[in-house]
N, C-alpha and C. Protein backbone atom coordinates (compact mmCIF):
# COMPACT_ATOMS: atom_id res chain seq x y z
N UNK A 1 -8.78 9.72 24.67
CA UNK A 1 -9.99 10.30 24.06
C UNK A 1 -9.58 11.31 22.65
N UNK A 2 -10.12 10.98 21.81
CA UNK A 2 -9.72 11.56 20.67
C UNK A 2 -10.61 13.21 20.60
N UNK A 3 -9.95 14.14 19.75
CA UNK A 3 -10.85 15.40 19.68
C UNK A 3 -11.48 15.35 18.53
N UNK A 4 -12.72 15.47 18.67
CA UNK A 4 -13.51 15.28 17.20
C UNK A 4 -12.94 16.62 16.28
N UNK A 5 -13.10 15.97 15.15
CA UNK A 5 -12.44 16.95 14.23
C UNK A 5 -13.64 17.57 13.18
N UNK A 6 -13.61 18.80 12.78
CA UNK A 6 -14.54 19.20 12.09
C UNK A 6 -14.07 19.30 10.71
N UNK A 7 -15.18 19.03 9.36
CA UNK A 7 -14.38 18.42 8.27
C UNK A 7 -14.13 20.11 7.64
N UNK A 8 -13.40 19.86 6.97
CA UNK A 8 -13.21 20.98 5.84
C UNK A 8 -14.31 21.68 5.40
N UNK A 9 -14.33 23.02 4.95
CA UNK A 9 -15.82 23.66 4.62
C UNK A 9 -15.86 23.34 3.02
N UNK A 10 -17.45 23.05 2.97
CA UNK A 10 -17.77 22.60 1.62
C UNK A 10 -17.12 21.40 0.99
N UNK A 11 -17.00 20.26 1.96
CA UNK A 11 -16.21 18.97 1.11
C UNK A 11 -17.89 17.96 0.90
N UNK A 12 -17.98 18.07 -0.32
CA UNK A 12 -18.87 16.99 -0.72
C UNK A 12 -18.43 16.12 -1.39
N UNK A 13 -17.01 15.92 -2.02
CA UNK A 13 -16.66 14.70 -2.44
C UNK A 13 -14.99 14.85 -2.29
N UNK A 14 -14.52 13.41 -3.08
CA UNK A 14 -13.20 13.24 -2.61
C UNK A 14 -12.17 14.38 -2.99
N UNK A 15 -12.58 15.23 -4.35
CA UNK A 15 -12.16 16.23 -4.45
C UNK A 15 -12.08 17.12 -4.16
N UNK A 16 -12.91 17.41 -3.37
CA UNK A 16 -13.19 18.65 -2.29
C UNK A 16 -11.96 18.45 -1.33
N UNK A 17 -11.81 16.94 -0.53
CA UNK A 17 -10.85 16.64 0.54
C UNK A 17 -9.74 17.16 -0.30
N UNK A 18 -9.02 16.28 -1.54
CA UNK A 18 -8.01 16.50 -2.05
C UNK A 18 -7.67 17.90 -2.32
N UNK A 19 -8.21 18.50 -2.32
CA UNK A 19 -8.22 20.29 -3.08
C UNK A 19 -7.65 20.96 -1.35
N UNK A 20 -8.74 20.60 -0.26
CA UNK A 20 -8.30 21.09 1.15
C UNK A 20 -6.95 20.30 1.45
N UNK A 21 -6.91 19.07 1.65
CA UNK A 21 -5.32 18.63 1.71
C UNK A 21 -4.30 19.49 1.16
N UNK A 22 -4.34 19.59 -0.01
CA UNK A 22 -3.39 20.49 -0.80
C UNK A 22 -2.98 21.95 -0.11
N UNK A 23 -4.27 22.26 -0.02
CA UNK A 23 -4.27 23.85 0.53
C UNK A 23 -3.59 23.84 1.53
N UNK A 24 -3.82 23.04 2.83
CA UNK A 24 -3.28 22.62 3.96
C UNK A 24 -1.99 22.71 4.11
N UNK A 25 -1.16 21.86 2.87
CA UNK A 25 0.10 21.68 3.29
C UNK A 25 0.87 22.90 2.78
N UNK A 26 0.43 23.57 1.79
CA UNK A 26 0.70 25.20 1.06
C UNK A 26 0.59 25.98 2.38
N UNK A 27 -0.38 26.22 3.21
CA UNK A 27 -0.65 27.15 4.26
C UNK A 27 0.11 26.60 5.58
N UNK A 28 0.50 25.26 5.89
CA UNK A 28 1.11 24.48 6.60
C UNK A 28 0.67 24.37 7.76
N UNK A 29 -0.95 24.30 7.87
CA UNK A 29 -2.22 24.26 8.52
C UNK A 29 -2.16 22.81 8.64
N UNK A 30 -1.56 22.66 10.09
CA UNK A 30 -1.90 21.27 10.69
C UNK A 30 -2.80 20.54 11.31
N UNK A 31 -4.01 21.58 11.58
CA UNK A 31 -5.53 21.12 12.14
C UNK A 31 -6.21 20.81 10.95
N UNK A 32 -5.88 21.58 9.77
CA UNK A 32 -6.78 21.68 8.45
C UNK A 32 -6.31 20.54 7.54
N UNK A 33 -5.34 20.02 7.69
CA UNK A 33 -4.74 18.87 6.82
C UNK A 33 -5.09 17.78 7.61
N UNK A 34 -5.23 17.84 9.10
CA UNK A 34 -5.57 16.33 9.74
C UNK A 34 -7.24 16.28 9.69
N UNK A 35 -7.59 17.43 9.47
CA UNK A 35 -9.30 17.10 9.01
C UNK A 35 -9.63 16.59 7.70
N UNK A 36 -8.81 16.41 6.80
CA UNK A 36 -8.75 15.81 5.68
C UNK A 36 -8.82 14.29 5.90
N UNK A 37 -8.19 13.87 7.14
CA UNK A 37 -7.99 12.58 7.07
C UNK A 37 -9.38 11.72 8.01
N UNK A 38 -9.26 10.37 8.06
CA UNK A 38 -10.26 9.75 8.37
C UNK A 38 -9.92 9.47 9.74
N UNK A 39 -11.20 9.75 10.86
CA UNK A 39 -10.75 9.48 12.17
C UNK A 39 -10.65 8.18 12.45
N UNK A 40 -9.71 7.28 11.97
CA UNK A 40 -9.61 6.06 12.30
C UNK A 40 -8.01 5.51 12.70
N UNK A 41 -7.72 4.33 13.32
CA UNK A 41 -6.63 3.82 13.69
C UNK A 41 -5.62 3.41 12.29
N UNK A 42 -6.59 2.98 11.51
CA UNK A 42 -5.81 2.20 10.49
C UNK A 42 -5.60 2.89 8.82
N UNK A 43 -5.22 4.43 9.74
CA UNK A 43 -5.01 5.31 8.16
C UNK A 43 -3.50 5.40 7.90
N UNK A 44 -3.00 5.52 6.89
CA UNK A 44 -1.33 5.45 6.46
C UNK A 44 -0.93 6.30 5.62
N UNK A 45 0.65 6.98 5.99
CA UNK A 45 1.18 7.72 5.02
C UNK A 45 2.44 6.90 4.80
N UNK A 46 2.87 7.37 3.46
CA UNK A 46 4.19 6.97 3.06
C UNK A 46 5.05 8.38 2.26
N UNK A 47 6.08 8.80 2.86
CA UNK A 47 6.57 10.03 2.59
C UNK A 47 7.83 9.29 1.52
N UNK A 48 8.26 10.28 0.42
CA UNK A 48 9.24 9.37 -0.19
C UNK A 48 10.76 9.06 0.49
N UNK A 49 11.03 7.54 0.55
CA UNK A 49 12.09 7.23 1.30
C UNK A 49 11.66 7.44 2.82
N UNK A 50 10.56 7.39 3.08
CA UNK A 50 10.40 7.14 4.64
C UNK A 50 9.58 5.93 4.90
N UNK A 51 9.29 5.79 6.11
CA UNK A 51 9.17 4.89 6.68
C UNK A 51 7.63 4.97 6.39
N UNK A 52 6.66 3.39 6.42
CA UNK A 52 5.29 3.67 6.53
C UNK A 52 4.83 4.15 7.96
N UNK A 53 4.11 5.38 7.98
CA UNK A 53 3.61 5.73 9.19
C UNK A 53 1.83 5.19 9.05
N UNK A 54 1.34 4.52 10.20
CA UNK A 54 0.25 4.19 10.74
C UNK A 54 -0.12 4.81 11.88
N UNK A 55 -1.72 5.52 11.37
CA UNK A 55 -2.49 6.19 12.73
C UNK A 55 -2.56 7.55 12.38
N UNK A 56 -3.34 7.83 12.99
CA UNK A 56 -3.28 9.85 13.01
C UNK A 56 -2.25 10.62 13.81
N UNK A 57 -1.75 9.80 14.77
CA UNK A 57 -0.57 10.56 16.09
C UNK A 57 0.28 10.57 14.94
N UNK A 58 0.87 9.54 14.38
CA UNK A 58 1.91 9.13 13.87
C UNK A 58 1.77 10.10 12.42
N UNK A 59 1.21 10.18 11.95
CA UNK A 59 1.12 11.14 10.73
C UNK A 59 0.95 12.46 11.25
N UNK A 60 0.22 12.74 12.20
CA UNK A 60 -0.29 14.15 12.62
C UNK A 60 1.55 14.90 13.04
N UNK A 61 2.20 13.71 13.54
CA UNK A 61 3.91 14.09 14.43
C UNK A 61 4.56 14.38 12.86
N UNK A 62 4.55 13.62 11.88
CA UNK A 62 5.44 13.69 10.64
C UNK A 62 5.51 14.83 10.28
N UNK A 63 3.90 15.38 9.69
CA UNK A 63 3.68 16.61 9.42
C UNK A 63 3.79 17.55 10.06
N UNK A 64 3.90 17.54 11.18
CA UNK A 64 4.22 18.68 12.24
C UNK A 64 5.85 18.72 12.09
N UNK A 65 6.60 18.10 11.68
CA UNK A 65 8.16 18.20 11.72
C UNK A 65 8.25 18.71 10.33
N UNK A 66 7.60 18.11 9.22
CA UNK A 66 7.40 19.22 8.03
C UNK A 66 7.35 20.60 8.36
N UNK A 67 6.11 20.68 8.84
CA UNK A 67 5.62 22.14 8.84
C UNK A 67 6.84 23.30 9.70
N UNK A 68 7.48 22.32 11.23
CA UNK A 68 8.51 23.02 11.25
C UNK A 68 9.57 23.69 10.58
N UNK A 69 9.49 23.37 9.41
CA UNK A 69 10.76 24.02 8.43
C UNK A 69 9.77 24.92 7.36
N UNK A 70 8.78 25.14 7.69
CA UNK A 70 8.10 25.99 6.48
C UNK A 70 6.76 25.24 5.87
N UNK A 71 6.21 25.84 4.86
CA UNK A 71 4.78 25.11 4.71
C UNK A 71 5.19 24.29 3.23
N UNK A 72 4.45 23.12 2.78
CA UNK A 72 5.19 22.66 1.51
C UNK A 72 4.45 23.03 0.35
N UNK A 73 4.95 23.36 -0.53
CA UNK A 73 4.62 24.19 -1.94
C UNK A 73 4.36 23.13 -2.65
N UNK A 74 3.20 22.32 -2.43
CA UNK A 74 3.08 20.93 -3.39
C UNK A 74 1.62 21.41 -4.04
N UNK A 75 1.70 20.92 -5.65
CA UNK A 75 0.33 21.19 -6.30
C UNK A 75 0.00 20.08 -6.78
N UNK A 76 -1.22 19.78 -6.78
CA UNK A 76 -1.68 18.26 -7.71
C UNK A 76 -1.65 18.36 -8.96
N UNK A 77 -1.56 17.89 -10.08
CA UNK A 77 -1.44 17.63 -11.54
C UNK A 77 -1.66 16.45 -12.00
N UNK A 78 -2.29 16.73 -13.07
CA UNK A 78 -2.42 15.52 -13.88
C UNK A 78 -2.69 14.21 -12.89
N UNK A 79 -4.15 14.52 -12.43
CA UNK A 79 -5.08 13.65 -11.28
C UNK A 79 -5.45 12.75 -12.18
N UNK A 80 -5.27 11.57 -12.00
CA UNK A 80 -6.37 10.20 -12.63
C UNK A 80 -7.13 9.54 -11.75
N UNK A 81 -8.45 9.40 -11.76
CA UNK A 81 -9.15 8.84 -10.70
C UNK A 81 -9.75 7.28 -10.94
N UNK A 82 -9.83 6.55 -9.88
CA UNK A 82 -10.56 5.23 -10.09
C UNK A 82 -11.90 5.52 -9.32
N UNK A 83 -13.12 5.23 -9.24
CA UNK A 83 -14.04 5.62 -8.38
C UNK A 83 -14.56 4.54 -8.45
N UNK A 84 -15.40 4.29 -7.16
CA UNK A 84 -16.47 3.44 -6.73
C UNK A 84 -17.42 3.82 -5.80
N UNK A 85 -18.28 2.80 -5.75
CA UNK A 85 -19.20 3.59 -4.40
C UNK A 85 -18.78 4.11 -3.29
N UNK A 86 -18.03 3.70 -2.79
CA UNK A 86 -17.82 4.37 -1.35
C UNK A 86 -16.13 5.06 -1.19
N UNK A 87 -15.37 4.53 -2.30
CA UNK A 87 -13.68 4.80 -2.23
C UNK A 87 -13.56 5.22 -3.78
N UNK A 88 -12.69 6.34 -3.81
CA UNK A 88 -11.96 7.01 -4.67
C UNK A 88 -10.09 7.01 -4.52
N UNK A 89 -9.66 6.53 -5.59
CA UNK A 89 -8.32 6.29 -5.83
C UNK A 89 -7.72 7.40 -6.46
N UNK A 90 -6.93 8.57 -6.01
CA UNK A 90 -6.37 9.43 -6.99
C UNK A 90 -4.95 8.96 -7.22
N UNK A 91 -4.39 9.04 -8.55
CA UNK A 91 -3.01 8.82 -8.97
C UNK A 91 -2.54 10.27 -9.28
N UNK A 92 -1.65 11.09 -8.29
CA UNK A 92 -1.50 12.19 -8.72
C UNK A 92 0.05 12.89 -9.03
N UNK A 93 0.36 13.63 -9.98
CA UNK A 93 1.95 14.18 -10.03
C UNK A 93 1.55 15.41 -9.17
N UNK A 94 2.62 15.26 -8.10
CA UNK A 94 2.93 16.64 -7.02
C UNK A 94 3.98 17.39 -7.78
N UNK A 95 3.85 18.51 -8.05
CA UNK A 95 4.80 19.78 -8.47
C UNK A 95 5.50 20.14 -7.14
N UNK A 96 6.50 20.11 -6.50
CA UNK A 96 6.94 20.39 -5.32
C UNK A 96 7.86 21.81 -5.63
N UNK A 97 7.70 22.88 -5.20
CA UNK A 97 8.49 23.60 -5.41
C UNK A 97 9.64 23.79 -4.14
N UNK A 98 11.08 24.07 -4.36
CA UNK A 98 12.17 24.16 -3.33
C UNK A 98 12.75 25.05 -3.63
N UNK A 99 13.25 26.04 -3.20
CA UNK A 99 13.68 27.38 -3.13
C UNK A 99 15.43 26.85 -2.69
N UNK A 100 16.57 27.37 -3.37
CA UNK A 100 17.79 26.50 -3.47
C UNK A 100 18.60 28.05 -3.67
N UNK A 101 19.89 28.02 -3.37
CA UNK A 101 20.54 29.13 -3.16
C UNK A 101 20.50 29.64 -4.63
N UNK A 102 20.43 28.68 -6.04
CA UNK A 102 20.00 29.02 -7.12
C UNK A 102 18.89 30.04 -7.50
N UNK A 103 18.17 29.48 -6.70
CA UNK A 103 16.76 30.11 -6.78
C UNK A 103 15.72 29.08 -6.66
N UNK A 104 14.34 28.73 -7.10
CA UNK A 104 13.70 28.16 -6.98
C UNK A 104 14.08 27.00 -8.18
N UNK A 105 13.33 25.82 -7.51
CA UNK A 105 13.73 24.64 -8.32
C UNK A 105 11.91 24.00 -8.09
N UNK A 106 12.20 22.98 -9.17
CA UNK A 106 10.72 21.98 -9.12
C UNK A 106 11.33 20.64 -9.10
N UNK A 107 10.58 20.01 -8.05
CA UNK A 107 10.85 18.43 -7.91
C UNK A 107 9.30 18.00 -7.98
N UNK A 108 9.36 16.36 -8.66
CA UNK A 108 8.25 16.05 -8.80
C UNK A 108 8.20 14.54 -8.20
N UNK A 109 6.82 14.35 -7.41
CA UNK A 109 6.88 13.11 -6.72
C UNK A 109 5.08 12.70 -7.30
N UNK A 110 5.15 11.29 -7.36
CA UNK A 110 4.11 10.45 -7.64
C UNK A 110 3.55 10.19 -6.16
N UNK A 111 2.11 10.89 -6.53
CA UNK A 111 1.48 10.31 -5.32
C UNK A 111 0.16 9.46 -5.86
N UNK A 112 -0.13 8.50 -4.41
CA UNK A 112 -1.30 7.90 -4.41
C UNK A 112 -2.19 8.61 -3.67
N UNK A 113 -3.38 8.62 -3.45
CA UNK A 113 -4.26 9.18 -2.53
C UNK A 113 -5.36 8.41 -2.37
N UNK A 114 -6.01 8.23 -1.34
CA UNK A 114 -6.79 7.03 -1.35
C UNK A 114 -8.11 7.61 -0.39
N UNK A 115 -9.16 7.72 -0.84
CA UNK A 115 -10.09 8.51 -0.15
C UNK A 115 -11.36 7.33 0.19
N UNK A 116 -12.19 7.52 1.21
CA UNK A 116 -13.15 6.80 1.48
C UNK A 116 -14.42 7.40 2.00
N UNK A 117 -15.91 7.17 1.76
CA UNK A 117 -17.02 7.94 2.22
C UNK A 117 -17.11 7.10 3.74
N UNK A 118 -17.23 8.36 4.68
CA UNK A 118 -17.47 7.97 6.01
C UNK A 118 -18.67 8.53 6.71
N UNK A 119 -18.86 8.30 7.80
CA UNK A 119 -20.02 8.97 8.45
C UNK A 119 -19.66 10.38 8.30
N UNK A 120 -18.61 10.77 8.42
CA UNK A 120 -18.44 12.30 8.43
C UNK A 120 -18.54 12.98 7.09
N UNK A 121 -18.20 12.02 6.29
CA UNK A 121 -18.34 12.42 4.48
C UNK A 121 -17.11 12.04 4.12
N UNK A 122 -16.57 12.45 2.83
CA UNK A 122 -15.23 11.57 2.22
C UNK A 122 -13.98 12.43 3.21
N UNK A 123 -12.97 11.22 3.33
CA UNK A 123 -11.67 11.40 3.96
C UNK A 123 -10.88 10.81 3.38
N UNK A 124 -9.58 11.29 3.88
CA UNK A 124 -8.62 10.49 3.10
C UNK A 124 -8.06 9.50 4.29
N UNK A 125 -7.46 8.23 3.54
CA UNK A 125 -7.15 7.00 4.47
C UNK A 125 -5.78 6.80 3.98
N UNK A 126 -5.24 6.89 2.54
CA UNK A 126 -3.90 6.81 2.75
C UNK A 126 -3.21 7.79 1.71
N UNK A 127 -2.22 8.11 1.90
CA UNK A 127 -1.16 9.02 1.16
C UNK A 127 0.05 8.41 0.94
N UNK A 128 0.52 8.23 -0.41
CA UNK A 128 1.67 7.34 -0.63
C UNK A 128 2.38 8.32 -1.87
N UNK A 129 3.52 8.66 -1.44
CA UNK A 129 4.56 9.17 -2.25
C UNK A 129 5.96 8.60 -2.78
N UNK A 130 6.08 8.65 -4.03
CA UNK A 130 7.42 8.13 -4.33
C UNK A 130 7.99 9.50 -5.17
N UNK A 131 9.41 9.38 -5.26
CA UNK A 131 10.06 9.96 -6.01
C UNK A 131 9.72 10.31 -7.21
N UNK A 132 9.59 11.22 -8.29
CA UNK A 132 9.25 11.47 -9.71
C UNK A 132 10.46 12.28 -10.35
N UNK A 133 10.45 11.80 -11.59
CA UNK A 133 11.09 13.02 -12.42
C UNK A 133 10.61 13.87 -13.48
N UNK A 134 11.21 14.64 -14.18
CA UNK A 134 10.33 15.18 -15.27
C UNK A 134 9.62 14.69 -16.25
N UNK A 135 10.36 13.28 -16.09
CA UNK A 135 9.99 11.96 -17.38
C UNK A 135 8.74 11.70 -16.95
N UNK A 136 8.06 11.82 -15.63
CA UNK A 136 6.75 11.52 -14.93
C UNK A 136 5.62 12.22 -15.71
N UNK A 137 6.36 13.67 -16.18
CA UNK A 137 5.40 14.38 -16.76
C UNK A 137 4.22 13.62 -17.70
N UNK A 138 4.78 13.06 -18.23
CA UNK A 138 4.31 11.90 -19.58
C UNK A 138 3.93 10.52 -19.21
N UNK A 139 2.61 10.24 -19.58
CA UNK A 139 1.97 8.92 -19.03
C UNK A 139 2.63 8.17 -20.00
N UNK A 140 2.71 6.82 -19.03
CA UNK A 140 2.81 5.21 -20.05
C UNK A 140 1.31 4.56 -19.62
N UNK A 141 0.73 4.14 -21.04
CA UNK A 141 0.11 3.27 -20.90
C UNK A 141 -0.43 2.18 -21.69
N UNK A 142 -1.33 1.31 -21.70
CA UNK A 142 -1.25 0.54 -22.89
C UNK A 142 -2.30 1.42 -23.57
N UNK A 143 -1.78 1.16 -24.81
CA UNK A 143 -2.98 1.66 -25.95
C UNK A 143 -2.91 0.56 -26.71
N UNK A 144 -4.69 0.39 -27.04
CA UNK A 144 -5.00 -0.49 -28.38
C UNK A 144 -4.54 -0.17 -29.35
N UNK A 145 -3.89 -1.27 -29.97
CA UNK A 145 -3.38 -1.19 -31.22
C UNK A 145 -4.81 -1.01 -32.59
N UNK A 146 -4.55 0.24 -33.31
CA UNK A 146 -5.61 0.22 -33.96
C UNK A 146 -5.38 -0.01 -35.29
N UNK A 147 -6.06 -0.99 -36.25
CA UNK A 147 -5.73 -1.10 -37.29
C UNK A 147 -6.62 -0.53 -38.58
N UNK A 148 -6.09 0.23 -39.34
CA UNK A 148 -7.00 0.50 -40.51
C UNK A 148 -7.02 0.06 -41.73
């Protein structure tokens, strides 16, 4: 039997859940992080170079293992949203701060966060990340040719 989750404070939109998710990463708070996820068996998470994680228990275990080494200093930047009535898909550039012997360094990860409106409010149902490079700071898009 699952323990009921309490939603993050003031979560009235997918953007609120996204903010709560990244705040939980930065503070290393597994309970707050998991409260951002839908309470369903078919949620999915993929970390860069990692396997596909299915279900809340597997996702929680993966984040627990990450938090055992400290919090994750990830900041969402350049968010692109595609929204519909009951879903919101966010393409995010994550800027990760990594401390090395030479001092702090930044790495970039491209993430897709998918949110659905559930009876408990907006919740994350998918988080998929891929390695990025500083070149991803610039976007590539189809631009219509304008004739003058």
